[in-house]
């Protein structure tokens, strides 16, 4: 099914802020990943801009950024269509993430992390849970992305972080809607706090096992 128009989801209103384009891009990216913006549907920049409470220009620019990431495609004189990925493509993305993220998290736990860094990550872990309680899927995906990229950034390997950012951006986790509706998103969100506990304890085996479980869990809910 490839509808040409769809009611826009509930998106935050920004008003006048700095880095408006970046904020809108981040929000729209999370909306695509979570399924708030549906594949095959064409969304117009003016309709999204009205929802955001801003002009069409930053929204159009943000959508063009997502075109570059392969998340949406431009539809002449209509707007932007969210691209659809096959099950095989989603499996391949998750497989690549596992090859990178699981051993990296283990290495981080083995090396040890400054307690002050762990404490800076804990508000992000709490924010993921809070967004789950509020059933705010866009915030949930956005904060989750920041948490994992910040954690992986402890390696100092910017190429690794950029690769994971790209893979995560291309992921689809439509099952978040169902989990949220059945109040099952909060327990899974607590895995982030558990992961920090394991890393703080330098429990490399435990961190590796939890990260593997976490990615398998994600793989199990990407399909609507």
Foldseek 3Di string as FASTA:
>chain_A
DQDAADQQAQFEADPDDPPVLVVLLLLVLLCLQQCSAPANYFDALCNVCVNNVHDSVSSLVSVVVVVVLVQWPADPPRHIGGHDDDLVVQVVLLVVCLVQQLVLLLVLLQVADDVVLLVVLVVLLVQLLVCLQVVPSSSNLSSVLVSSLSSSCVVVDVVSSVVNSSSSSPHHQNLSNVCSVVVNSNVLSNLSVVLSVSSNVSVSVVNSVSVVVNSVVSSVRRPD
